Structure formats: structure tokens, C-alpha cells
Amino acid sequence: MRPLPSPASSAPSGSAFVASGDITQRVVQGAGGDPGRARRGPFRPGQLVPSRARLEARLLARTFRVVDMLAAAGFALALTLQGHPVAAVLWALVVTAGLRIAGGYAFPRKASLLRHLGGVILALAAAVGAAALPILGSGRGGATAYATLTSAVLVVACLHAVWWTIIARGRAQGHLTPNIVVVGATANAQRLIEAAMRTGEVNVLGVFDDRLDRAPENIMGVPVLGDTTALLDHRIMPYVDRVVIAVASTAQARVRQLVEKLDVLPNPLNLFIDVGGSNEDDAALARIAAGHESDLTGAKSGSKRRALLKRAQDVVVASVGLLVAGPVMLIVALAVKLDSPGPIFFRQRRHGFNNEAILVWKFRSMRHEMADANAARQISANDDRVTKVGKFIRKTSLDELPQLFNVLTGEMSIVGPRPHAIGMKTGGVESAKLVAQYAHRHRMKPGLTGWAAIKGSRGPVDTPESVRLRVALDVEYIERQSFWLDLYVIAMTIPCLLGDRSAVR
């Protein structure tokens, strides 16, 4: 392994890296911890955001381009009304093409605002020049037309200053740059980190290695946080978009061993190959960051378009659902309040996407003093903890309606695996330990309803067999998920619930 530079020499200026020799201080704190005490590396963003909240710079750039085109069309219309249709067409065509050619939507990570605006001004100058020729040749209305073009230049330039600021702030806050952790404190890991420093394509939050006795304290300032066993339950994982294995490409047996061990993670798993030079390293890292590399676990990688479509479906259905169910929710809230002492809502921490801990809302259906936040005892027939109103709203699933707010905040989806309570037990054993692929159900946001629900797997999972069936159906849904399948599940949910008299809920 090549000599590893010290943190002081390798970390970029402004880095929040803090050196510490105690391995217990290597644990990176979650969003709720004190960031001043956390062991930080040179890539740590200003704040950690869950991977479900990550945005894509390319999608934002396309949105910016649409706004620019609308602005250009508006000024083209003004020129047409002023009697210069040819100038209007030339302006619109040249400014649209020019901004793209000049890299107006590329937003390089290390380019300054002045550099970005320089390319934009060149494109605008070309567009103004093209439009000015027919205006000059017409010999009429020149002053008004030139004033319109000047206004267009100012508006588009200001828009691009706003676009650049949005991208820069999003990256600084961790919304636009994927977070990864590296498995293997090797020379190959150092190559990956060097590529990340050159390109800024990813944030490398930490390194994990089973051979801690031989592992350095950090690589290029990125802390070694523990072994792969620690990785499986590490509190940083809900903020991690990808896990990258960076052992030597010749160690095929070692790669297979790591893939088998890390297959239980909901996070996508990739391999960084140590072949070629720095250009190849940069290109490989860019593919990993964009999600173009194949997932080693064989899971179906969700495209950004499919995720965006699902999110749009969630927002529309949840909004309509709240409008329709609003009066019913008010009646249920009043009934819960009058039926028994205690709060109207019951909140429970459950697993969300990528094992993120989310707070799920329900109407309270149990006696407040007998509430079971950890689901150590699952619901059963004639459960003495359930109130009179609780029996009705559980039977009709009206107690789940407040989860529409979880959908709108992006923590849940309308359709997906049902969220289970953290630490939920089945027969005295933690449910997650009964099925090796249990965490696979967290590769997608949990849902208000789901494939398992309409296939008969509803209510408690109080036997190992019921846990295995639930997980199998959830994984089947994740592999098949589509816009149309979600519509089918939504359509089938109500008749399945009303027709089911046997499930304990």
C-alpha cells in the first residue's frame, strides 16, 4: 500500500476534519448529534440528509433550461409584437443553443459564479448579435427592440446567477452530492478518494475494514470508522447512497465474501476497480455517483425517472386523499378523544428507506398507558389494550390515515412495504433476525398500502413463517415496482380490506 498522506496535507482547505486516535470517537454522529464532537473527514457536508431526500443536479439543470426557454420565448414574443419576427426567431434559437453549447447547464463543481456567468454572457452576446442584424436592416423601432434585448440579457443573466446559487447551496448542504462509504482500507481506496477530491462527484463519509489492526486511522483524511460488522448497523447508513468495495481487483474471493456479507444492506453495493490511470478512476467514480454501475447484489436499480414519477404519484394521491378523508379524520379524532384519556395521535419510530428511523403517525387505538412503542407485543385478537373506538378504526384501517402526512413529507409512499417498528419482535425474537434479506424491504420507501397487503399478508407478523412471507412479498414488489402496478395496488386496497374479516388489525 502506498504511503498515506497525513490529514493536514490531504484535506482541502475549509475541511472540518478532526484528528483523533480513539476508535470510539470515529463513530460519525447522526443528524441529531453534536457535529462539533463528530469525527469528520474532508468530504463531510454541512449537514447530513437522508438518501431519500437527495436531489439530482441534472434534473435541476433541465428545470432551469425549461425556465430559460420560457423567458427567451417571452422576449421573442415581445420582439414579434414590435414588428421584428425574424429577430425574435434568431434570438430564441441562438440563446437556447448558445447556453447549452457554452455549458450554461453543466455547473462544474469547482467553477466559480464569475466563470459560469462568463459562458452565459458569451451565449447572450451571440444571441443579441444575431437578433440585432435584422433589426438594424429594418430601419424601424430599433430603440425599443434594443431595450427589449438588453432586458432579456439582464433577466437571463440574473436567472443563471440564481441557478448557480441553488446548485452551490444544494451541494454545500448535502442535497446534490451522493454520499458513499468505502469497504477496504487499501491503496485502491486511496485512489477512489483521490478521484473524489479531484472531481467532487461524491462525498466519502468513511472507510470500513475487517482488518482494523492493520488499517490506518484515516485515508486522505477520511476516517476509518470500524469493521464491516459495524457497517451493518452503523447510524450513518441512512445517509449513505452507495457502499463501494475498494479491495484489489485480483482478490476475487475476498470480493465474493464481502458481497455475501453486505448483501443484507438496503444500500446499493458497487465495486471500484483499480485499473487504468486517474482519468479511468474519475470516469468510474462518475458512473458510480450517477448510479450507472451495476449493483453487485443484483437488486433492480431504480431510475431517477421512475422515482420522480412515483413521488409525483404520491403527492397527487396523498393530497386528494387528505381532501376526501379530511372530514372523516376530524370525526375519528373527536371519537378517539372522547373514548379514552390520552392523545389523539400515536407516534412510533419505524424503519424507512435505507433503514432511516422515521416517526410514523396513526390515530391512537390503544389505551395510552398500555401503548407499546417498540412493538414488543404484537396485536392479537381481543387484545385488552385496544379501546372501543380503536377496534373499529383498526378493523377499517382508519387509524392509518394520518400517514398521508408522512407521504407528503417524503418519508413514506402510498404504495410500498409496510413500515415495521424498530426492534419489533416475533415470538420474543427480533423480527429482523428471522430473515437474512429483511433489510431488502428498506430499499424502497415504506407504504401506506402495499403488495403484501393485497396478497393477504396483513396485520401482525407473529410467527417466523409470517415474517418470511411478508419479506418475500415486499421484495417481489420492489423488483416489480412500476407506476401501473402502484395504481393496481391502490385500486385493490379498499376491496381487499373490506373483504377481509379474518386478519387481526
Protein backbone atom coordinates (compact mmCIF):
# COMPACT_ATOMS: atom_id res chain seq x y z
CA MET A 1 0.00 0.00 0.00
CA ARG A 2 1.27 3.44 -0.87
CA PRO A 3 2.20 5.78 1.99
CA LEU A 4 -0.87 7.62 3.19
CA PRO A 5 -0.65 11.40 3.49
CA SER A 6 -1.45 13.00 6.81
CA PRO A 7 -4.82 14.68 7.28
CA ALA A 8 -3.25 18.12 7.38
CA SER A 9 -1.64 17.67 3.97
CA SER A 10 -4.51 15.93 2.22
CA ALA A 11 -7.69 17.61 3.43
CA PRO A 12 -8.93 20.53 1.37
CA SER A 13 -8.97 23.99 2.84
CA GLY A 14 -12.03 24.62 4.95
CA SER A 15 -12.29 20.93 5.82
CA ALA A 16 -13.94 20.08 9.10
CA PHE A 17 -11.59 17.12 9.69
CA VAL A 18 -10.72 16.49 13.33
CA ALA A 19 -7.99 14.04 14.21
CA SER A 20 -8.49 11.52 16.98
CA GLY A 21 -6.78 8.25 17.84
CA ASP A 22 -9.60 6.71 19.83
CA ILE A 23 -11.71 4.39 17.68
CA THR A 24 -14.79 5.15 19.77
CA GLN A 25 -14.53 8.73 18.53
CA ARG A 26 -14.60 7.53 14.92
CA VAL A 27 -18.34 6.98 15.05
CA VAL A 28 -19.96 9.69 13.00
CA GLN A 29 -22.94 11.12 14.78
CA GLY A 30 -26.35 11.29 13.19
CA ALA A 31 -28.24 14.40 12.28
CA GLY A 32 -29.38 14.86 15.84
CA GLY A 33 -25.91 14.69 17.39
CA ASP A 34 -23.47 17.45 18.16
CA PRO A 35 -21.45 17.97 14.95
CA GLY A 36 -18.65 19.65 16.89
CA ARG A 37 -17.80 16.33 18.55
CA ALA A 38 -18.12 14.13 15.48
CA ARG A 39 -15.09 12.68 13.73
CA ARG A 40 -15.24 14.45 10.37
CA GLY A 41 -13.47 13.87 7.09
CA PRO A 42 -12.75 16.29 4.24
CA PHE A 43 -15.98 15.39 2.41
CA ARG A 44 -18.48 15.76 5.25
CA PRO A 45 -21.27 18.13 4.07
CA GLY A 46 -22.62 20.90 6.26
CA GLN A 47 -25.45 18.63 7.29
CA LEU A 48 -26.32 15.01 6.67
CA VAL A 49 -29.59 14.48 4.84
CA PRO A 50 -31.24 11.08 4.34
CA SER A 51 -30.56 9.47 0.98
CA ARG A 52 -34.31 9.63 0.16
CA ALA A 53 -34.00 13.44 0.17
CA ARG A 54 -31.10 13.51 -2.29
CA LEU A 55 -31.74 15.57 -5.44
CA GLU A 56 -30.14 15.22 -8.85
CA ALA A 57 -28.25 18.17 -10.32
CA ARG A 58 -29.12 17.03 -13.86
CA LEU A 59 -32.83 17.17 -13.10
CA LEU A 60 -32.48 20.65 -11.66
CA ALA A 61 -30.46 21.73 -14.71
CA ARG A 62 -33.24 20.53 -17.01
CA THR A 63 -35.74 22.53 -14.97
CA PHE A 64 -33.52 25.61 -15.26
CA ARG A 65 -33.30 25.10 -19.01
CA VAL A 66 -37.09 24.99 -19.34
CA VAL A 67 -37.39 28.25 -17.38
CA ASP A 68 -34.73 29.85 -19.60
CA MET A 69 -36.59 28.74 -22.72
CA LEU A 70 -39.83 30.23 -21.41
CA ALA A 71 -38.05 33.50 -20.63
CA ALA A 72 -36.45 33.54 -24.09
CA ALA A 73 -39.84 32.82 -25.69
CA GLY A 74 -41.39 35.69 -23.73
CA PHE A 75 -38.85 38.19 -25.07
CA ALA A 76 -39.18 36.68 -28.56
CA LEU A 77 -42.91 37.34 -28.38
CA ALA A 78 -42.21 40.94 -27.36
CA LEU A 79 -39.91 41.39 -30.37
CA THR A 80 -42.56 39.89 -32.66
CA LEU A 81 -45.19 42.32 -31.37
CA GLN A 82 -42.74 45.15 -32.02
CA GLY A 83 -42.57 44.12 -35.69
CA HIS A 84 -39.35 42.06 -35.67
CA PRO A 85 -40.38 38.39 -36.14
CA VAL A 86 -37.09 37.38 -37.80
CA ALA A 87 -35.07 38.88 -34.94
CA ALA A 88 -37.36 37.10 -32.47
CA VAL A 89 -36.73 33.71 -34.07
CA LEU A 90 -32.97 34.27 -34.27
CA TRP A 91 -32.84 35.42 -30.64
CA ALA A 92 -34.76 32.41 -29.35
CA LEU A 93 -32.78 29.86 -31.38
CA VAL A 94 -29.31 31.27 -30.74
CA VAL A 95 -29.80 31.91 -27.00
CA THR A 96 -31.24 28.40 -26.45
CA ALA A 97 -28.47 26.66 -28.37
CA GLY A 98 -25.77 29.04 -27.15
CA LEU A 99 -26.44 28.49 -23.46
CA ARG A 100 -26.19 24.74 -23.93
CA ILE A 101 -23.01 24.93 -26.04
CA ALA A 102 -21.40 27.34 -23.57
CA GLY A 103 -22.03 24.91 -20.70
CA GLY A 104 -24.70 27.01 -19.07
CA TYR A 105 -26.30 23.90 -17.58
CA ALA A 106 -23.16 21.92 -16.70
CA PHE A 107 -22.44 23.60 -13.33
CA PRO A 108 -18.92 22.18 -12.79
CA ARG A 109 -18.32 21.62 -9.10
CA LYS A 110 -15.24 23.79 -8.87
CA ALA A 111 -16.31 26.58 -11.24
CA SER A 112 -16.95 29.99 -9.69
CA LEU A 113 -20.02 32.15 -10.29
CA LEU A 114 -17.96 34.57 -12.41
CA ARG A 115 -16.74 31.73 -14.61
CA HIS A 116 -20.26 30.43 -15.04
CA LEU A 117 -21.65 33.86 -15.90
CA GLY A 118 -18.78 34.37 -18.36
CA GLY A 119 -20.03 31.50 -20.52
CA VAL A 120 -23.61 32.70 -20.18
CA ILE A 121 -22.71 36.24 -21.27
CA LEU A 122 -20.92 34.89 -24.36
CA ALA A 123 -24.05 32.95 -25.37
CA LEU A 124 -26.24 36.00 -24.75
CA ALA A 125 -23.89 38.24 -26.76
CA ALA A 126 -24.12 35.87 -29.72
CA ALA A 127 -27.91 35.85 -29.49
CA VAL A 128 -28.09 39.64 -29.29
CA GLY A 129 -25.75 39.96 -32.27
CA ALA A 130 -27.87 37.56 -34.34
CA ALA A 131 -31.08 39.40 -33.46
CA ALA A 132 -29.59 42.87 -33.99
CA LEU A 133 -28.83 42.34 -37.69
CA PRO A 134 -32.45 42.10 -38.94
CA ILE A 135 -33.47 44.89 -36.54
CA LEU A 136 -30.76 47.12 -37.98
CA GLY A 137 -31.77 46.20 -41.53
CA SER A 138 -35.45 47.02 -40.95
CA GLY A 139 -34.70 50.61 -40.05
CA ARG A 140 -37.66 50.94 -37.66
CA GLY A 141 -38.31 50.53 -33.94
CA GLY A 142 -34.66 49.94 -33.20
CA ALA A 143 -34.54 51.68 -29.83
CA THR A 144 -37.48 49.71 -28.39
CA ALA A 145 -36.15 46.42 -29.75
CA TYR A 146 -32.67 47.03 -28.36
CA ALA A 147 -34.17 47.87 -24.97
CA THR A 148 -36.04 44.56 -25.10
CA LEU A 149 -32.82 42.66 -25.90
CA THR A 150 -30.98 44.48 -23.09
CA SER A 151 -33.73 43.48 -20.65
CA ALA A 152 -33.53 39.89 -21.92
CA VAL A 153 -29.79 39.78 -21.27
CA LEU A 154 -30.21 41.09 -17.73
CA VAL A 155 -33.06 38.71 -16.93
CA VAL A 156 -31.31 35.58 -18.24
CA ALA A 157 -28.02 36.54 -16.55
CA CYS A 158 -29.83 37.06 -13.24
CA LEU A 159 -31.61 33.74 -13.65
CA HIS A 160 -28.28 31.98 -14.09
CA ALA A 161 -26.88 33.65 -11.01
CA VAL A 162 -29.86 32.19 -9.15
CA TRP A 163 -29.36 28.75 -10.77
CA TRP A 164 -25.69 28.69 -9.78
CA THR A 165 -26.55 29.71 -6.20
CA ILE A 166 -29.17 26.96 -5.91
CA ILE A 167 -26.71 24.31 -7.12
CA ALA A 168 -23.88 25.58 -4.90
CA ARG A 169 -26.09 25.70 -1.81
CA GLY A 170 -27.56 22.28 -2.55
CA ARG A 171 -24.09 20.76 -2.76
CA ALA A 172 -22.92 22.50 0.40
CA GLN A 173 -25.95 21.19 2.30
CA GLY A 174 -25.52 17.64 1.00
CA HIS A 175 -28.66 17.54 -1.14
CA LEU A 176 -26.96 17.15 -4.53
CA THR A 177 -23.80 15.14 -3.91
CA PRO A 178 -24.14 11.38 -3.30
CA ASN A 179 -22.68 10.05 -0.05
CA ILE A 180 -20.69 6.82 -0.13
CA VAL A 181 -18.73 4.69 2.31
CA VAL A 182 -15.77 2.58 1.23
CA VAL A 183 -15.10 -1.01 2.26
CA GLY A 184 -11.38 -1.79 2.39
CA ALA A 185 -8.66 0.48 3.77
CA THR A 186 -6.47 -0.21 0.74
CA ALA A 187 -4.40 1.54 -1.89
CA ASN A 188 -7.44 1.18 -4.13
CA ALA A 189 -9.50 3.10 -1.56
CA GLN A 190 -6.90 5.84 -1.67
CA ARG A 191 -7.25 6.02 -5.48
CA LEU A 192 -11.03 6.36 -5.09
CA ILE A 193 -10.66 9.13 -2.50
CA GLU A 194 -8.12 10.95 -4.67
CA ALA A 195 -10.58 10.78 -7.59
CA ALA A 196 -13.34 12.12 -5.33
CA MET A 197 -11.10 15.03 -4.32
CA ARG A 198 -10.33 15.82 -7.95
CA THR A 199 -13.88 15.62 -9.25
CA GLY A 200 -16.11 16.28 -6.25
CA GLU A 201 -18.51 13.64 -7.62
CA VAL A 202 -19.17 12.04 -4.22
CA ASN A 203 -18.78 12.63 -0.50
CA VAL A 204 -16.77 9.81 1.08
CA LEU A 205 -18.10 9.70 4.64
CA GLY A 206 -15.91 6.90 5.95
CA VAL A 207 -13.96 3.69 5.42
CA PHE A 208 -14.67 0.26 6.91
CA ASP A 209 -12.23 -2.65 7.04
CA ASP A 210 -12.27 -6.02 8.79
CA ARG A 211 -8.51 -5.80 9.40
CA LEU A 212 -8.53 -2.90 11.81
CA ASP A 213 -5.23 -3.95 13.38
CA ARG A 214 -3.53 -3.16 10.06
CA ALA A 215 -5.79 -0.32 8.94
CA PRO A 216 -4.65 3.31 9.26
CA GLU A 217 -6.62 5.77 11.33
CA ASN A 218 -7.65 7.59 8.16
CA ILE A 219 -7.03 7.64 4.43
CA MET A 220 -6.51 11.08 2.93
CA GLY A 221 -8.35 12.48 5.94
CA VAL A 222 -11.34 10.13 5.57
CA PRO A 223 -11.72 8.32 8.92
CA VAL A 224 -11.74 4.54 9.29
CA LEU A 225 -14.97 4.02 11.23
CA GLY A 226 -14.84 0.30 12.03
CA ASP A 227 -15.13 -3.18 10.54
CA THR A 228 -17.84 -4.50 8.22
CA THR A 229 -19.85 -5.79 11.17
CA ALA A 230 -20.02 -2.21 12.47
CA LEU A 231 -21.03 -1.12 8.97
CA LEU A 232 -24.18 -3.28 9.03
CA ASP A 233 -25.70 -1.35 11.95
CA HIS A 234 -23.87 1.98 11.71
CA ARG A 235 -26.02 5.03 12.36
CA ILE A 236 -24.58 6.80 9.33
CA MET A 237 -26.05 4.29 6.85
CA PRO A 238 -29.45 6.03 6.31
CA TYR A 239 -27.42 8.92 4.88
CA VAL A 240 -25.37 6.70 2.55
CA ASP A 241 -26.38 6.33 -1.09
CA ARG A 242 -23.87 3.62 -2.04
CA VAL A 243 -21.40 1.23 -0.47
CA VAL A 244 -18.27 0.83 -2.60
CA ILE A 245 -15.89 -2.13 -2.25
CA ALA A 246 -12.35 -0.95 -2.95
CA VAL A 247 -10.23 -4.06 -2.36
CA ALA A 248 -7.74 -5.17 -5.02
CA SER A 249 -9.39 -6.44 -8.22
CA THR A 250 -7.28 -9.58 -8.03
CA ALA A 251 -8.80 -10.56 -4.65
CA GLN A 252 -11.88 -12.17 -6.21
CA ALA A 253 -12.53 -14.49 -3.27
CA ARG A 254 -12.43 -11.51 -0.91
CA VAL A 255 -14.89 -9.59 -3.11
CA ARG A 256 -17.32 -12.53 -3.12
CA GLN A 257 -17.03 -12.82 0.65
CA LEU A 258 -17.78 -9.12 1.15
CA VAL A 259 -20.72 -9.17 -1.29
CA GLU A 260 -22.28 -12.10 0.58
CA LYS A 261 -21.81 -10.38 3.94
CA LEU A 262 -23.07 -6.96 2.79
CA ASP A 263 -25.98 -8.33 0.77
CA VAL A 264 -28.26 -7.75 3.78
CA LEU A 265 -27.84 -3.98 3.44
CA PRO A 266 -30.57 -1.98 1.69
CA ASN A 267 -27.86 0.31 0.24
CA PRO A 268 -26.68 -0.40 -3.34
CA LEU A 269 -23.28 -2.11 -3.49
CA ASN A 270 -20.64 -1.28 -6.13
CA LEU A 271 -17.05 -2.27 -6.93
CA PHE A 272 -14.26 0.22 -7.68
CA ILE A 273 -11.68 -1.43 -9.95
CA ASP A 274 -8.01 -0.48 -9.65
CA VAL A 275 -7.16 -0.44 -13.37
CA GLY A 276 -6.01 2.41 -15.59
CA GLY A 277 -4.92 5.87 -14.58
CA SER A 278 -6.55 8.88 -12.99
CA ASN A 279 -8.85 9.52 -15.97
CA GLU A 280 -10.25 6.00 -15.70
CA ASP A 281 -10.66 6.41 -11.94
CA ASP A 282 -12.57 9.68 -12.44
CA ALA A 283 -14.84 8.12 -15.07
CA ALA A 284 -15.55 5.07 -12.88
CA LEU A 285 -16.41 7.28 -9.91
CA ALA A 286 -18.72 9.39 -12.07
CA ARG A 287 -20.58 6.25 -13.16
CA ILE A 288 -20.93 5.12 -9.56
CA ALA A 289 -22.18 8.55 -8.48
CA ALA A 290 -24.75 8.62 -11.28
CA GLY A 291 -25.95 5.10 -10.47
CA HIS A 292 -24.85 3.76 -13.87
CA GLU A 293 -22.72 0.98 -12.40
CA SER A 294 -24.43 -2.37 -11.86
CA ASP A 295 -25.42 -3.19 -8.30
CA LEU A 296 -23.37 -6.19 -7.12
CA THR A 297 -26.26 -7.52 -5.07
CA GLY A 298 -28.35 -7.87 -8.22
CA ALA A 299 -31.09 -5.59 -6.94
CA LYS A 300 -33.05 -3.63 -9.50
CA SER A 301 -31.64 -0.12 -9.57
CA GLY A 302 -34.41 2.43 -9.59
CA SER A 303 -34.09 5.01 -12.29
CA LYS A 304 -34.39 8.66 -11.39
CA ARG A 305 -37.31 8.98 -13.79
CA ARG A 306 -39.22 6.16 -12.11
CA ALA A 307 -38.52 7.62 -8.66
CA LEU A 308 -39.69 11.06 -9.80
CA LEU A 309 -42.87 9.58 -11.28
CA LYS A 310 -43.56 7.67 -8.06
CA ARG A 311 -43.04 10.80 -6.00
CA ALA A 312 -45.43 12.77 -8.20
CA GLN A 313 -47.99 9.98 -7.84
CA ASP A 314 -47.56 10.06 -4.05
CA VAL A 315 -48.07 13.81 -3.80
CA VAL A 316 -51.18 13.79 -6.00
CA VAL A 317 -52.83 10.77 -4.35
CA ALA A 318 -51.98 11.92 -0.80
CA SER A 319 -53.28 15.45 -1.47
CA VAL A 320 -56.53 14.15 -2.93
CA GLY A 321 -56.77 11.62 -0.10
CA LEU A 322 -56.49 14.33 2.55
CA LEU A 323 -59.16 16.43 0.85
CA VAL A 324 -61.55 13.49 0.63
CA ALA A 325 -60.75 11.95 4.01
CA GLY A 326 -60.44 15.25 5.91
CA PRO A 327 -63.98 15.21 7.37
CA VAL A 328 -63.64 11.54 8.30
CA MET A 329 -60.32 12.24 10.03
CA LEU A 330 -61.92 15.02 12.09
CA ILE A 331 -64.71 12.65 13.21
CA VAL A 332 -62.20 9.92 14.10
CA ALA A 333 -60.06 12.40 16.04
CA LEU A 334 -63.09 13.51 18.06
CA ALA A 335 -64.14 9.90 18.71
CA VAL A 336 -60.66 8.94 19.92
CA LYS A 337 -60.55 11.93 22.25
CA LEU A 338 -63.98 11.21 23.77
CA ASP A 339 -63.46 7.43 24.02
CA SER A 340 -60.48 7.29 26.38
CA PRO A 341 -57.99 9.65 28.05
CA GLY A 342 -54.80 10.35 26.17
CA PRO A 343 -53.55 12.00 22.98
CA ILE A 344 -55.39 11.69 19.68
CA PHE A 345 -52.35 10.51 17.76
CA PHE A 346 -49.91 7.69 18.38
CA ARG A 347 -46.39 8.19 17.05
CA GLN A 348 -43.97 5.34 16.62
CA ARG A 349 -40.40 5.16 15.31
CA ARG A 350 -40.23 2.78 12.37
CA HIS A 351 -37.76 1.83 9.68
CA GLY A 352 -37.94 3.85 6.47
CA PHE A 353 -35.90 3.95 3.29
CA ASN A 354 -32.29 2.75 3.76
CA ASN A 355 -33.05 1.88 7.40
CA GLU A 356 -33.75 5.53 8.23
CA ALA A 357 -35.67 5.92 11.50
CA ILE A 358 -38.89 7.81 10.77
CA LEU A 359 -41.75 8.87 13.03
CA VAL A 360 -44.98 7.31 11.74
CA TRP A 361 -48.34 8.85 12.69
CA LYS A 362 -51.53 6.93 13.49
CA PHE A 363 -54.76 7.62 15.33
CA ARG A 364 -54.37 6.18 18.82
CA SER A 365 -56.27 2.88 19.06
CA MET A 366 -54.86 1.58 22.35
CA ARG A 367 -55.13 2.78 25.91
CA HIS A 368 -52.48 5.42 26.39
CA GLU A 369 -50.97 3.81 29.49
CA MET A 370 -50.61 0.48 27.64
CA ALA A 371 -49.03 1.81 24.44
CA ASP A 372 -46.18 -0.31 23.05
CA ALA A 373 -43.82 1.93 21.10
CA ASN A 374 -41.34 -0.88 20.36
CA ALA A 375 -43.94 -3.48 19.31
CA ALA A 376 -42.50 -5.96 21.80
CA ARG A 377 -46.01 -7.44 21.97
CA GLN A 378 -47.84 -7.52 18.66
CA ILE A 379 -51.57 -7.07 18.32
CA SER A 380 -53.76 -10.11 18.92
CA ALA A 381 -57.46 -10.98 18.74
CA ASN A 382 -59.47 -9.44 21.61
CA ASP A 383 -56.40 -7.52 22.73
CA ASP A 384 -57.18 -5.87 26.08
CA ARG A 385 -55.08 -2.83 25.16
CA VAL A 386 -57.38 -1.77 22.29
CA THR A 387 -60.14 0.75 23.03
CA LYS A 388 -63.72 0.52 21.72
CA VAL A 389 -63.11 3.14 19.06
CA GLY A 390 -59.70 1.58 18.45
CA LYS A 391 -61.28 -1.74 17.45
CA PHE A 392 -63.35 -0.04 14.78
CA ILE A 393 -60.64 2.19 13.31
CA ARG A 394 -58.16 -0.70 13.26
CA LYS A 395 -60.67 -3.00 11.57
CA THR A 396 -61.36 -0.39 8.91
CA SER A 397 -57.72 0.83 8.78
CA LEU A 398 -58.91 4.39 9.50
CA ASP A 399 -56.15 4.58 12.12
CA GLU A 400 -53.61 4.69 9.27
CA LEU A 401 -54.98 7.85 7.61
CA PRO A 402 -52.58 10.28 9.36
CA GLN A 403 -49.77 8.56 7.45
CA LEU A 404 -50.87 10.62 4.47
CA PHE A 405 -48.85 13.39 6.12
CA ASN A 406 -45.81 11.06 6.18
CA VAL A 407 -46.32 10.59 2.45
CA LEU A 408 -46.43 14.34 1.77
CA THR A 409 -43.21 14.90 3.75
CA GLY A 410 -41.46 12.25 1.65
CA GLU A 411 -40.84 9.77 4.46
CA MET A 412 -43.37 7.28 3.09
CA SER A 413 -45.02 6.40 -0.20
CA ILE A 414 -48.62 5.50 -0.99
CA VAL A 415 -47.51 2.01 -2.07
CA GLY A 416 -44.55 0.15 -0.60
CA PRO A 417 -43.56 -2.30 2.12
CA ARG A 418 -45.42 -1.52 5.34
CA PRO A 419 -43.13 0.16 7.90
CA HIS A 420 -42.30 -2.05 10.87
CA ALA A 421 -41.48 -0.73 14.33
CA ILE A 422 -37.78 -0.58 15.15
CA GLY A 423 -36.94 -3.58 17.31
CA MET A 424 -40.26 -5.33 16.58
CA LYS A 425 -40.30 -8.86 17.97
CA THR A 426 -41.87 -12.08 16.75
CA GLY A 427 -42.15 -14.77 19.38
CA GLY A 428 -39.65 -12.97 21.60
CA VAL A 429 -37.06 -12.72 18.78
CA GLU A 430 -36.32 -9.54 16.87
CA SER A 431 -38.16 -9.93 13.54
CA ALA A 432 -35.24 -8.58 11.51
CA LYS A 433 -33.11 -11.51 12.65
CA LEU A 434 -35.52 -14.15 11.35
CA VAL A 435 -34.90 -13.42 7.65
CA ALA A 436 -31.46 -12.71 6.19
CA GLN A 437 -32.95 -10.43 3.49
CA TYR A 438 -35.14 -8.49 5.93
CA ALA A 439 -33.42 -5.15 5.21
CA HIS A 440 -34.08 -5.58 1.47
CA ARG A 441 -37.60 -4.31 2.14
CA HIS A 442 -36.00 -0.97 3.05
CA ARG A 443 -34.67 -0.46 -0.48
CA MET A 444 -37.84 1.49 -1.14
CA LYS A 445 -39.87 3.92 0.96
CA PRO A 446 -42.44 2.23 3.19
CA GLY A 447 -46.02 2.48 2.03
CA LEU A 448 -49.47 3.27 3.33
CA THR A 449 -50.57 0.14 1.49
CA GLY A 450 -48.62 -2.47 -0.40
CA TRP A 451 -48.36 -5.60 -2.50
CA ALA A 452 -48.18 -7.76 0.62
CA ALA A 453 -51.38 -6.19 1.98
CA ILE A 454 -53.47 -7.04 -1.07
CA LYS A 455 -51.95 -10.52 -1.19
CA GLY A 456 -53.23 -11.36 2.28
CA SER A 457 -50.19 -10.55 4.43
CA ARG A 458 -51.83 -8.00 6.74
CA GLY A 459 -51.82 -7.41 10.44
CA PRO A 460 -49.20 -8.80 12.85
CA VAL A 461 -46.28 -10.97 11.78
CA ASP A 462 -46.34 -13.16 14.89
CA THR A 463 -44.65 -16.27 13.53
CA PRO A 464 -41.35 -16.80 11.69
CA GLU A 465 -43.32 -18.04 8.68
CA SER A 466 -45.42 -14.86 8.53
CA VAL A 467 -42.25 -12.75 8.68
CA ARG A 468 -40.70 -14.70 5.79
CA LEU A 469 -43.89 -14.40 3.73
CA ARG A 470 -44.10 -10.63 4.35
CA VAL A 471 -40.47 -10.08 3.38
CA ALA A 472 -40.82 -12.26 0.26
CA LEU A 473 -43.85 -10.30 -0.93
CA ASP A 474 -42.17 -6.97 -0.17
CA VAL A 475 -39.05 -7.92 -2.13
CA GLU A 476 -41.24 -9.15 -5.01
CA TYR A 477 -42.95 -5.75 -5.11
CA ILE A 478 -39.64 -3.85 -5.07
CA GLU A 479 -38.39 -5.89 -8.02
CA ARG A 480 -41.62 -5.35 -10.00
CA GLN A 481 -42.47 -1.78 -8.98
CA SER A 482 -43.94 0.44 -11.67
CA PHE A 483 -46.44 3.29 -11.98
CA TRP A 484 -49.15 0.92 -13.22
CA LEU A 485 -48.52 -1.70 -10.55
CA ASP A 486 -48.89 1.02 -7.91
CA LEU A 487 -52.22 2.08 -9.41
CA TYR A 488 -53.36 -1.55 -9.31
CA VAL A 489 -52.38 -1.88 -5.65
CA ILE A 490 -54.19 1.37 -4.78
CA ALA A 491 -57.32 0.21 -6.62
CA MET A 492 -57.29 -3.18 -4.89
CA THR A 493 -56.60 -1.92 -1.38
CA ILE A 494 -60.13 -0.93 -0.30
CA PRO A 495 -61.93 -4.06 -1.57
CA CYS A 496 -59.21 -6.25 -0.04
CA LEU A 497 -59.54 -4.53 3.34
CA LEU A 498 -63.36 -4.58 3.35
CA GLY A 499 -63.47 -8.19 2.26
CA ASP A 500 -61.02 -9.39 4.90
CA ARG A 501 -62.73 -10.42 8.13
CA SER A 502 -60.01 -12.74 9.40
CA ALA A 503 -56.88 -10.57 9.66
CA VAL A 504 -56.19 -9.19 13.13
CA ARG A 505 -55.64 -5.44 12.89
